[in-house]
Amino acid sequence: MDDERLHQLFLLNLCLQMFDGVATYHGVNFWGEGNPLLSSAMPYLGVAGTLLLFKAKACGFLVLLRRLGPRPLVHESMVVLATVYVFFSFIPWMSRLVSLVL
């Protein structure tokens, strides 16, 4: 797999992480947080602190994965992560946010 494609997957995953963080920050007041790990940390760290901590960890993991470059399963891992975030974050949040407008 060429390096350009891997970099595009890396950027896609970073964008999905940022979208999830911003959508969660704005949506938690309407719908709460579905992730029990995040919801249990929010009373102690606050919504913003919890999201910053967990999204920084996720983005740090993506940076480490990107640095592995052309090693086996790096490309596949990035595809799986993007797919999971599209189906379990982007689509649900977008449908909820669109429901506020309609």
PDB file of N, CA and C in Angstrom:
ATOM      1  N   MET A   1       0.854  -1.180   0.000  1.00  0.00           N
ATOM      2  CA  MET A   1       0.000   0.000   0.000  1.00  0.00           C
ATOM      3  C   MET A   1       0.890   1.229   0.000  1.00  0.00           C
ATOM      4  N   ASP A   2       0.564   2.163  -0.858  1.00  0.00           N
ATOM      5  CA  ASP A   2       1.417   3.340  -0.972  1.00  0.00           C
ATOM      6  C   ASP A   2       1.216   4.272   0.217  1.00  0.00           C
ATOM      7  N   ASP A   3       2.229   5.082   0.451  1.00  0.00           N
ATOM      8  CA  ASP A   3       2.256   5.965   1.611  1.00  0.00           C
ATOM      9  C   ASP A   3       1.182   7.046   1.537  1.00  0.00           C
ATOM     10  N   GLU A   4       0.860   7.508   0.345  1.00  0.00           N
ATOM     11  CA  GLU A   4      -0.162   8.548   0.182  1.00  0.00           C
ATOM     12  C   GLU A   4      -1.534   8.045   0.647  1.00  0.00           C
ATOM     13  N   ARG A   5      -1.866   6.824   0.280  1.00  0.00           N
ATOM     14  CA  ARG A   5      -3.157   6.240   0.688  1.00  0.00           C
ATOM     15  C   ARG A   5      -3.211   6.066   2.200  1.00  0.00           C
ATOM     16  N   LEU A   6      -2.126   5.619   2.794  1.00  0.00           N
ATOM     17  CA  LEU A   6      -2.071   5.460   4.240  1.00  0.00           C
ATOM     18  C   LEU A   6      -2.232   6.812   4.937  1.00  0.00           C
ATOM     19  N   HIS A   7      -1.608   7.836   4.381  1.00  0.00           N
ATOM     20  CA  HIS A   7      -1.726   9.173   4.962  1.00  0.00           C
ATOM     21  C   HIS A   7      -3.168   9.693   4.855  1.00  0.00           C
ATOM     22  N   GLN A   8      -3.831   9.404   3.755  1.00  0.00           N
ATOM     23  CA  GLN A   8      -5.231   9.798   3.603  1.00  0.00           C
ATOM     24  C   GLN A   8      -6.123   9.097   4.629  1.00  0.00           C
ATOM     25  N   LEU A   9      -5.862   7.829   4.874  1.00  0.00           N
ATOM     26  CA  LEU A   9      -6.614   7.097   5.902  1.00  0.00           C
ATOM     27  C   LEU A   9      -6.339   7.677   7.291  1.00  0.00           C
ATOM     28  N   PHE A  10      -5.107   8.054   7.533  1.00  0.00           N
ATOM     29  CA  PHE A  10      -4.738   8.680   8.799  1.00  0.00           C
ATOM     30  C   PHE A  10      -5.518   9.980   8.997  1.00  0.00           C
ATOM     31  N   LEU A  11      -5.554  10.824   7.967  1.00  0.00           N
ATOM     32  CA  LEU A  11      -6.281  12.095   8.054  1.00  0.00           C
ATOM     33  C   LEU A  11      -7.784  11.873   8.212  1.00  0.00           C
ATOM     34  N   LEU A  12      -8.324  10.893   7.519  1.00  0.00           N
ATOM     35  CA  LEU A  12      -9.737  10.564   7.672  1.00  0.00           C
ATOM     36  C   LEU A  12     -10.042  10.175   9.112  1.00  0.00           C
ATOM     37  N   ASN A  13      -9.198   9.330   9.695  1.00  0.00           N
ATOM     38  CA  ASN A  13      -9.405   8.907  11.075  1.00  0.00           C
ATOM     39  C   ASN A  13      -9.285  10.077  12.044  1.00  0.00           C
ATOM     40  N   LEU A  14      -8.339  10.976  11.814  1.00  0.00           N
ATOM     41  CA  LEU A  14      -8.233  12.158  12.671  1.00  0.00           C
ATOM     42  C   LEU A  14      -9.487  13.019  12.576  1.00  0.00           C
ATOM     43  N   CYS A  15      -9.991  13.204  11.364  1.00  0.00           N
ATOM     44  CA  CYS A  15     -11.219  13.996  11.177  1.00  0.00           C
ATOM     45  C   CYS A  15     -12.412  13.337  11.871  1.00  0.00           C
ATOM     46  N   LEU A  16     -12.504  12.026  11.785  1.00  0.00           N
ATOM     47  CA  LEU A  16     -13.590  11.318  12.464  1.00  0.00           C
ATOM     48  C   LEU A  16     -13.489  11.461  13.977  1.00  0.00           C
ATOM     49  N   GLN A  17     -12.270  11.426  14.512  1.00  0.00           N
ATOM     50  CA  GLN A  17     -12.077  11.632  15.946  1.00  0.00           C
ATOM     51  C   GLN A  17     -12.505  13.034  16.356  1.00  0.00           C
ATOM     52  N   MET A  18     -12.106  14.030  15.581  1.00  0.00           N
ATOM     53  CA  MET A  18     -12.476  15.415  15.895  1.00  0.00           C
ATOM     54  C   MET A  18     -13.989  15.604  15.791  1.00  0.00           C
ATOM     55  N   PHE A  19     -14.594  15.045  14.744  1.00  0.00           N
ATOM     56  CA  PHE A  19     -16.048  15.138  14.613  1.00  0.00           C
ATOM     57  C   PHE A  19     -16.732  14.518  15.819  1.00  0.00           C
ATOM     58  N   ASP A  20     -16.288  13.324  16.214  1.00  0.00           N
ATOM     59  CA  ASP A  20     -16.899  12.637  17.345  1.00  0.00           C
ATOM     60  C   ASP A  20     -16.771  13.463  18.623  1.00  0.00           C
ATOM     61  N   GLY A  21     -15.615  14.074  18.839  1.00  0.00           N
ATOM     62  CA  GLY A  21     -15.425  14.888  20.029  1.00  0.00           C
ATOM     63  C   GLY A  21     -16.330  16.106  20.050  1.00  0.00           C
ATOM     64  N   VAL A  22     -16.403  16.815  18.945  1.00  0.00           N
ATOM     65  CA  VAL A  22     -17.242  18.018  18.868  1.00  0.00           C
ATOM     66  C   VAL A  22     -18.721  17.644  18.962  1.00  0.00           C
ATOM     67  N   ALA A  23     -19.132  16.610  18.252  1.00  0.00           N
ATOM     68  CA  ALA A  23     -20.532  16.184  18.297  1.00  0.00           C
ATOM     69  C   ALA A  23     -20.917  15.713  19.694  1.00  0.00           C
ATOM     70  N   THR A  24     -20.038  14.977  20.342  1.00  0.00           N
ATOM     71  CA  THR A  24     -20.315  14.520  21.704  1.00  0.00           C
ATOM     72  C   THR A  24     -20.404  15.702  22.654  1.00  0.00           C
ATOM     73  N   TYR A  25     -19.493  16.652  22.529  1.00  0.00           N
ATOM     74  CA  TYR A  25     -19.494  17.826  23.394  1.00  0.00           C
ATOM     75  C   TYR A  25     -20.824  18.576  23.294  1.00  0.00           C
ATOM     76  N   HIS A  26     -21.309  18.745  22.072  1.00  0.00           N
ATOM     77  CA  HIS A  26     -22.554  19.480  21.883  1.00  0.00           C
ATOM     78  C   HIS A  26     -23.794  18.611  22.124  1.00  0.00           C
ATOM     79  N   GLY A  27     -23.694  17.323  21.892  1.00  0.00           N
ATOM     80  CA  GLY A  27     -24.857  16.457  22.009  1.00  0.00           C
ATOM     81  C   GLY A  27     -25.085  15.843  23.369  1.00  0.00           C
ATOM     82  N   VAL A  28     -24.094  15.881  24.236  1.00  0.00           N
ATOM     83  CA  VAL A  28     -24.225  15.225  25.534  1.00  0.00           C
ATOM     84  C   VAL A  28     -25.322  15.883  26.377  1.00  0.00           C
ATOM     85  N   ASN A  29     -25.571  17.167  26.184  1.00  0.00           N
ATOM     86  CA  ASN A  29     -26.638  17.836  26.934  1.00  0.00           C
ATOM     87  C   ASN A  29     -28.024  17.367  26.500  1.00  0.00           C
ATOM     88  N   PHE A  30     -28.172  16.984  25.216  1.00  0.00           N
ATOM     89  CA  PHE A  30     -29.460  16.528  24.714  1.00  0.00           C
ATOM     90  C   PHE A  30     -29.697  15.048  24.956  1.00  0.00           C
ATOM     91  N   TRP A  31     -28.672  14.230  24.704  1.00  0.00           N
ATOM     92  CA  TRP A  31     -28.866  12.787  24.702  1.00  0.00           C
ATOM     93  C   TRP A  31     -27.989  12.023  25.694  1.00  0.00           C
ATOM     94  N   GLY A  32     -27.093  12.679  26.365  1.00  0.00           N
ATOM     95  CA  GLY A  32     -26.189  11.971  27.263  1.00  0.00           C
ATOM     96  C   GLY A  32     -25.071  11.294  26.488  1.00  0.00           C
ATOM     97  N   GLU A  33     -24.282  10.530  27.185  1.00  0.00           N
ATOM     98  CA  GLU A  33     -23.159   9.817  26.578  1.00  0.00           C
ATOM     99  C   GLU A  33     -23.429   8.328  26.653  1.00  0.00           C
ATOM    100  N   GLY A  34     -23.331   7.653  25.514  1.00  0.00           N
ATOM    101  CA  GLY A  34     -23.591   6.223  25.451  1.00  0.00           C
ATOM    102  C   GLY A  34     -22.421   5.353  25.864  1.00  0.00           C
ATOM    103  N   ASN A  35     -21.218   5.903  25.831  1.00  0.00           N
ATOM    104  CA  ASN A  35     -20.031   5.137  26.200  1.00  0.00           C
ATOM    105  C   ASN A  35     -19.900   5.158  27.729  1.00  0.00           C
ATOM    106  N   PRO A  36     -20.023   3.995  28.387  1.00  0.00           N
ATOM    107  CA  PRO A  36     -19.981   3.981  29.854  1.00  0.00           C
ATOM    108  C   PRO A  36     -18.637   4.431  30.431  1.00  0.00           C
ATOM    109  N   LEU A  37     -17.556   4.214  29.714  1.00  0.00           N
ATOM    110  CA  LEU A  37     -16.244   4.664  30.197  1.00  0.00           C
ATOM    111  C   LEU A  37     -16.180   6.186  30.219  1.00  0.00           C
ATOM    112  N   LEU A  38     -16.661   6.813  29.155  1.00  0.00           N
ATOM    113  CA  LEU A  38     -16.676   8.276  29.112  1.00  0.00           C
ATOM    114  C   LEU A  38     -17.667   8.848  30.122  1.00  0.00           C
ATOM    115  N   SER A  39     -18.854   8.276  30.190  1.00  0.00           N
ATOM    116  CA  SER A  39     -19.870   8.817  31.092  1.00  0.00           C
ATOM    117  C   SER A  39     -19.464   8.679  32.554  1.00  0.00           C
ATOM    118  N   SER A  40     -18.672   7.668  32.885  1.00  0.00           N
ATOM    119  CA  SER A  40     -18.221   7.532  34.276  1.00  0.00           C
ATOM    120  C   SER A  40     -17.086   8.499  34.610  1.00  0.00           C
ATOM    121  N   ALA A  41     -16.349   8.957  33.606  1.00  0.00           N
ATOM    122  CA  ALA A  41     -15.267   9.920  33.845  1.00  0.00           C
ATOM    123  C   ALA A  41     -15.758  11.360  33.829  1.00  0.00           C
ATOM    124  N   MET A  42     -16.877  11.620  33.173  1.00  0.00           N
ATOM    125  CA  MET A  42     -17.364  12.996  33.026  1.00  0.00           C
ATOM    126  C   MET A  42     -17.674  13.711  34.341  1.00  0.00           C
ATOM    127  N   PRO A  43     -18.220  13.037  35.363  1.00  0.00           N
ATOM    128  CA  PRO A  43     -18.454  13.761  36.617  1.00  0.00           C
ATOM    129  C   PRO A  43     -17.157  14.243  37.293  1.00  0.00           C
ATOM    130  N   TYR A  44     -16.059  13.565  37.034  1.00  0.00           N
ATOM    131  CA  TYR A  44     -14.788  13.912  37.669  1.00  0.00           C
ATOM    132  C   TYR A  44     -13.969  14.906  36.843  1.00  0.00           C
ATOM    133  N   LEU A  45     -13.976  14.733  35.525  1.00  0.00           N
ATOM    134  CA  LEU A  45     -13.146  15.563  34.653  1.00  0.00           C
ATOM    135  C   LEU A  45     -13.937  16.610  33.890  1.00  0.00           C
ATOM    136  N   GLY A  46     -15.253  16.534  33.935  1.00  0.00           N
ATOM    137  CA  GLY A  46     -16.096  17.407  33.134  1.00  0.00           C
ATOM    138  C   GLY A  46     -16.186  16.871  31.720  1.00  0.00           C
ATOM    139  N   VAL A  47     -17.141  17.390  30.987  1.00  0.00           N
ATOM    140  CA  VAL A  47     -17.351  16.924  29.620  1.00  0.00           C
ATOM    141  C   VAL A  47     -16.137  17.255  28.756  1.00  0.00           C
ATOM    142  N   ALA A  48     -15.705  18.513  28.796  1.00  0.00           N
ATOM    143  CA  ALA A  48     -14.583  18.939  27.944  1.00  0.00           C
ATOM    144  C   ALA A  48     -13.296  18.208  28.320  1.00  0.00           C
ATOM    145  N   GLY A  49     -12.997  18.106  29.598  1.00  0.00           N
ATOM    146  CA  GLY A  49     -11.775  17.429  30.037  1.00  0.00           C
ATOM    147  C   GLY A  49     -11.755  15.964  29.652  1.00  0.00           C
ATOM    148  N   THR A  50     -12.895  15.302  29.836  1.00  0.00           N
ATOM    149  CA  THR A  50     -12.989  13.890  29.478  1.00  0.00           C
ATOM    150  C   THR A  50     -12.785  13.693  27.978  1.00  0.00           C
ATOM    151  N   LEU A  51     -13.470  14.514  27.192  1.00  0.00           N
ATOM    152  CA  LEU A  51     -13.348  14.369  25.736  1.00  0.00           C
ATOM    153  C   LEU A  51     -11.945  14.686  25.258  1.00  0.00           C
ATOM    154  N   LEU A  52     -11.330  15.730  25.812  1.00  0.00           N
ATOM    155  CA  LEU A  52      -9.957  16.056  25.425  1.00  0.00           C
ATOM    156  C   LEU A  52      -9.005  14.916  25.762  1.00  0.00           C
ATOM    157  N   LEU A  53      -9.151  14.350  26.943  1.00  0.00           N
ATOM    158  CA  LEU A  53      -8.275  13.256  27.355  1.00  0.00           C
ATOM    159  C   LEU A  53      -8.434  12.034  26.448  1.00  0.00           C
ATOM    160  N   PHE A  54      -9.678  11.619  26.221  1.00  0.00           N
ATOM    161  CA  PHE A  54      -9.907  10.401  25.442  1.00  0.00           C
ATOM    162  C   PHE A  54      -9.617  10.603  23.963  1.00  0.00           C
ATOM    163  N   LYS A  55      -9.919  11.774  23.427  1.00  0.00           N
ATOM    164  CA  LYS A  55      -9.625  12.030  22.013  1.00  0.00           C
ATOM    165  C   LYS A  55      -8.122  12.207  21.795  1.00  0.00           C
ATOM    166  N   ALA A  56      -7.419  12.785  22.756  1.00  0.00           N
ATOM    167  CA  ALA A  56      -5.961  12.888  22.646  1.00  0.00           C
ATOM    168  C   ALA A  56      -5.336  11.493  22.634  1.00  0.00           C
ATOM    169  N   LYS A  57      -5.868  10.608  23.471  1.00  0.00           N
ATOM    170  CA  LYS A  57      -5.373   9.228  23.484  1.00  0.00           C
ATOM    171  C   LYS A  57      -5.634   8.547  22.147  1.00  0.00           C
ATOM    172  N   ALA A  58      -6.827   8.718  21.613  1.00  0.00           N
ATOM    173  CA  ALA A  58      -7.167   8.094  20.331  1.00  0.00           C
ATOM    174  C   ALA A  58      -6.310   8.660  19.199  1.00  0.00           C
ATOM    175  N   CYS A  59      -6.117   9.967  19.186  1.00  0.00           N
ATOM    176  CA  CYS A  59      -5.294  10.583  18.136  1.00  0.00           C
ATOM    177  C   CYS A  59      -3.827  10.190  18.297  1.00  0.00           C
ATOM    178  N   GLY A  60      -3.371  10.066  19.525  1.00  0.00           N
ATOM    179  CA  GLY A  60      -2.007   9.593  19.762  1.00  0.00           C
ATOM    180  C   GLY A  60      -1.815   8.182  19.246  1.00  0.00           C
ATOM    181  N   PHE A  61      -2.810   7.337  19.449  1.00  0.00           N
ATOM    182  CA  PHE A  61      -2.753   5.982  18.916  1.00  0.00           C
ATOM    183  C   PHE A  61      -2.688   6.008  17.393  1.00  0.00           C
ATOM    184  N   LEU A  62      -3.467   6.895  16.775  1.00  0.00           N
ATOM    185  CA  LEU A  62      -3.433   7.005  15.318  1.00  0.00           C
ATOM    186  C   LEU A  62      -2.070   7.464  14.817  1.00  0.00           C
ATOM    187  N   VAL A  63      -1.439   8.381  15.544  1.00  0.00           N
ATOM    188  CA  VAL A  63      -0.095   8.842  15.163  1.00  0.00           C
ATOM    189  C   VAL A  63       0.893   7.676  15.229  1.00  0.00           C
ATOM    190  N   LEU A  64       0.815   6.903  16.303  1.00  0.00           N
ATOM    191  CA  LEU A  64       1.702   5.739  16.420  1.00  0.00           C
ATOM    192  C   LEU A  64       1.445   4.731  15.301  1.00  0.00           C
ATOM    193  N   LEU A  65       0.182   4.510  15.006  1.00  0.00           N
ATOM    194  CA  LEU A  65      -0.157   3.589  13.924  1.00  0.00           C
ATOM    195  C   LEU A  65       0.367   4.107  12.586  1.00  0.00           C
ATOM    196  N   ARG A  66       0.231   5.399  12.369  1.00  0.00           N
ATOM    197  CA  ARG A  66       0.726   6.005  11.119  1.00  0.00           C
ATOM    198  C   ARG A  66       2.240   5.874  11.003  1.00  0.00           C
ATOM    199  N   ARG A  67       2.931   6.023  12.121  1.00  0.00           N
ATOM    200  CA  ARG A  67       4.394   5.927  12.123  1.00  0.00           C
ATOM    201  C   ARG A  67       4.878   4.517  11.789  1.00  0.00           C
ATOM    202  N   LEU A  68       4.014   3.531  11.983  1.00  0.00           N
ATOM    203  CA  LEU A  68       4.393   2.162  11.622  1.00  0.00           C
ATOM    204  C   LEU A  68       4.496   1.993  10.111  1.00  0.00           C
ATOM    205  N   GLY A  69       3.854   2.907   9.384  1.00  0.00           N
ATOM    206  CA  GLY A  69       3.990   2.943   7.938  1.00  0.00           C
ATOM    207  C   GLY A  69       3.521   1.691   7.239  1.00  0.00           C
ATOM    208  N   PRO A  70       4.361   1.129   6.383  1.00  0.00           N
ATOM    209  CA  PRO A  70       3.930   0.026   5.518  1.00  0.00           C
ATOM    210  C   PRO A  70       3.972  -1.352   6.169  1.00  0.00           C
ATOM    211  N   ARG A  71       4.086  -1.419   7.463  1.00  0.00           N
ATOM    212  CA  ARG A  71       4.114  -2.734   8.115  1.00  0.00           C
ATOM    213  C   ARG A  71       2.780  -3.455   7.908  1.00  0.00           C
ATOM    214  N   PRO A  72       2.802  -4.779   8.103  1.00  0.00           N
ATOM    215  CA  PRO A  72       1.566  -5.557   7.896  1.00  0.00           C
ATOM    216  C   PRO A  72       0.438  -5.101   8.822  1.00  0.00           C
ATOM    217  N   LEU A  73      -0.759  -5.070   8.272  1.00  0.00           N
ATOM    218  CA  LEU A  73      -2.013  -4.783   8.966  1.00  0.00           C
ATOM    219  C   LEU A  73      -2.202  -3.321   9.389  1.00  0.00           C
ATOM    220  N   VAL A  74      -1.283  -2.428   9.086  1.00  0.00           N
ATOM    221  CA  VAL A  74      -1.465  -1.017   9.431  1.00  0.00           C
ATOM    222  C   VAL A  74      -2.591  -0.428   8.590  1.00  0.00           C
ATOM    223  N   HIS A  75      -2.534  -0.637   7.292  1.00  0.00           N
ATOM    224  CA  HIS A  75      -3.574  -0.137   6.399  1.00  0.00           C
ATOM    225  C   HIS A  75      -4.933  -0.709   6.789  1.00  0.00           C
ATOM    226  N   GLU A  76      -4.994  -2.009   7.013  1.00  0.00           N
ATOM    227  CA  GLU A  76      -6.239  -2.667   7.373  1.00  0.00           C
ATOM    228  C   GLU A  76      -6.782  -2.138   8.698  1.00  0.00           C
ATOM    229  N   SER A  77      -5.895  -1.871   9.644  1.00  0.00           N
ATOM    230  CA  SER A  77      -6.309  -1.324  10.935  1.00  0.00           C
ATOM    231  C   SER A  77      -6.929   0.050  10.780  1.00  0.00           C
ATOM    232  N   MET A  78      -6.325   0.876   9.935  1.00  0.00           N
ATOM    233  CA  MET A  78      -6.866   2.218   9.693  1.00  0.00           C
ATOM    234  C   MET A  78      -8.241   2.135   9.026  1.00  0.00           C
ATOM    235  N   VAL A  79      -8.412   1.202   8.103  1.00  0.00           N
ATOM    236  CA  VAL A  79      -9.704   1.023   7.437  1.00  0.00           C
ATOM    237  C   VAL A  79     -10.757   0.575   8.450  1.00  0.00           C
ATOM    238  N   VAL A  80     -10.408  -0.382   9.296  1.00  0.00           N
ATOM    239  CA  VAL A  80     -11.348  -0.878  10.304  1.00  0.00           C
ATOM    240  C   VAL A  80     -11.735   0.242  11.273  1.00  0.00           C
ATOM    241  N   LEU A  81     -10.759   1.007  11.741  1.00  0.00           N
ATOM    242  CA  LEU A  81     -11.059   2.106  12.664  1.00  0.00           C
ATOM    243  C   LEU A  81     -11.978   3.137  12.025  1.00  0.00           C
ATOM    244  N   ALA A  82     -11.703   3.502  10.781  1.00  0.00           N
ATOM    245  CA  ALA A  82     -12.557   4.478  10.093  1.00  0.00           C
ATOM    246  C   ALA A  82     -13.967   3.922   9.918  1.00  0.00           C
ATOM    247  N   THR A  83     -14.075   2.667   9.554  1.00  0.00           N
ATOM    248  CA  THR A  83     -15.386   2.047   9.362  1.00  0.00           C
ATOM    249  C   THR A  83     -16.176   2.025  10.658  1.00  0.00           C
ATOM    250  N   VAL A  84     -15.529   1.654  11.738  1.00  0.00           N
ATOM    251  CA  VAL A  84     -16.202   1.620  13.047  1.00  0.00           C
ATOM    252  C   VAL A  84     -16.688   3.012  13.427  1.00  0.00           C
ATOM    253  N   TYR A  85     -15.859   4.027  13.241  1.00  0.00           N
ATOM    254  CA  TYR A  85     -16.267   5.386  13.611  1.00  0.00           C
ATOM    255  C   TYR A  85     -17.341   5.939  12.687  1.00  0.00           C
ATOM    256  N   VAL A  86     -17.348   5.544  11.432  1.00  0.00           N
ATOM    257  CA  VAL A  86     -18.419   5.992  10.541  1.00  0.00           C
ATOM    258  C   VAL A  86     -19.756   5.394  10.989  1.00  0.00           C
ATOM    259  N   PHE A  87     -19.773   4.095  11.289  1.00  0.00           N
ATOM    260  CA  PHE A  87     -21.030   3.437  11.625  1.00  0.00           C
ATOM    261  C   PHE A  87     -21.483   3.655  13.064  1.00  0.00           C
ATOM    262  N   PHE A  88     -20.557   3.821  13.997  1.00  0.00           N
ATOM    263  CA  PHE A  88     -20.947   3.943  15.396  1.00  0.00           C
ATOM    264  C   PHE A  88     -20.817   5.351  15.961  1.00  0.00           C
ATOM    265  N   SER A  89     -20.337   6.296  15.161  1.00  0.00           N
ATOM    266  CA  SER A  89     -20.236   7.678  15.618  1.00  0.00           C
ATOM    267  C   SER A  89     -20.813   8.637  14.588  1.00  0.00           C
ATOM    268  N   PHE A  90     -20.241   8.672  13.397  1.00  0.00           N
ATOM    269  CA  PHE A  90     -20.636   9.671  12.405  1.00  0.00           C
ATOM    270  C   PHE A  90     -22.112   9.546  12.019  1.00  0.00           C
ATOM    271  N   ILE A  91     -22.543   8.367  11.625  1.00  0.00           N
ATOM    272  CA  ILE A  91     -23.938   8.194  11.198  1.00  0.00           C
ATOM    273  C   ILE A  91     -24.913   8.447  12.353  1.00  0.00           C
ATOM    274  N   PRO A  92     -24.707   7.869  13.543  1.00  0.00           N
ATOM    275  CA  PRO A  92     -25.639   8.172  14.634  1.00  0.00           C
ATOM    276  C   PRO A  92     -25.673   9.655  15.022  1.00  0.00           C
ATOM    277  N   TRP A  93     -24.505  10.293  15.118  1.00  0.00           N
ATOM    278  CA  TRP A  93     -24.493  11.703  15.489  1.00  0.00           C
ATOM    279  C   TRP A  93     -25.120  12.563  14.408  1.00  0.00           C
ATOM    280  N   MET A  94     -24.837  12.274  13.155  1.00  0.00           N
ATOM    281  CA  MET A  94     -25.426  13.068  12.082  1.00  0.00           C
ATOM    282  C   MET A  94     -26.947  12.920  12.061  1.00  0.00           C
ATOM    283  N   SER A  95     -27.454  11.721  12.283  1.00  0.00           N
ATOM    284  CA  SER A  95     -28.907  11.543  12.301  1.00  0.00           C
ATOM    285  C   SER A  95     -29.533  12.287  13.480  1.00  0.00           C
ATOM    286  N   ARG A  96     -28.855  12.299  14.621  1.00  0.00           N
ATOM    287  CA  ARG A  96     -29.370  13.055  15.770  1.00  0.00           C
ATOM    288  C   ARG A  96     -29.302  14.555  15.526  1.00  0.00           C
ATOM    289  N   LEU A  97     -28.199  15.024  14.973  1.00  0.00           N
ATOM    290  CA  LEU A  97     -28.056  16.459  14.724  1.00  0.00           C
ATOM    291  C   LEU A  97     -29.039  16.934  13.645  1.00  0.00           C
ATOM    292  N   VAL A  98     -29.257  16.129  12.625  1.00  0.00           N
ATOM    293  CA  VAL A  98     -30.210  16.491  11.580  1.00  0.00           C
ATOM    294  C   VAL A  98     -31.624  16.517  12.160  1.00  0.00           C
ATOM    295  N   SER A  99     -31.924  15.633  13.107  1.00  0.00           N
ATOM    296  CA  SER A  99     -33.262  15.624  13.706  1.00  0.00           C
ATOM    297  C   SER A  99     -33.546  16.924  14.463  1.00  0.00           C
ATOM    298  N   LEU A 100     -32.536  17.626  14.914  1.00  0.00           N
ATOM    299  CA  LEU A 100     -32.746  18.911  15.572  1.00  0.00           C
ATOM    300  C   LEU A 100     -33.162  19.992  14.581  1.00  0.00           C
ATOM    301  N   VAL A 101     -32.724  19.859  13.343  1.00  0.00           N
ATOM    302  CA  VAL A 101     -33.010  20.851  12.322  1.00  0.00           C
ATOM    303  C   VAL A 101     -34.378  20.616  11.683  1.00  0.00           C
ATOM    304  N   LEU A 102     -34.744  19.358  11.518  1.00  0.00           N
ATOM    305  CA  LEU A 102     -35.996  19.034  10.828  1.00  0.00           C
ATOM    306  C   LEU A 102     -37.190  19.087  11.748  1.00  0.00           C
TER     307      LEU A 102
END
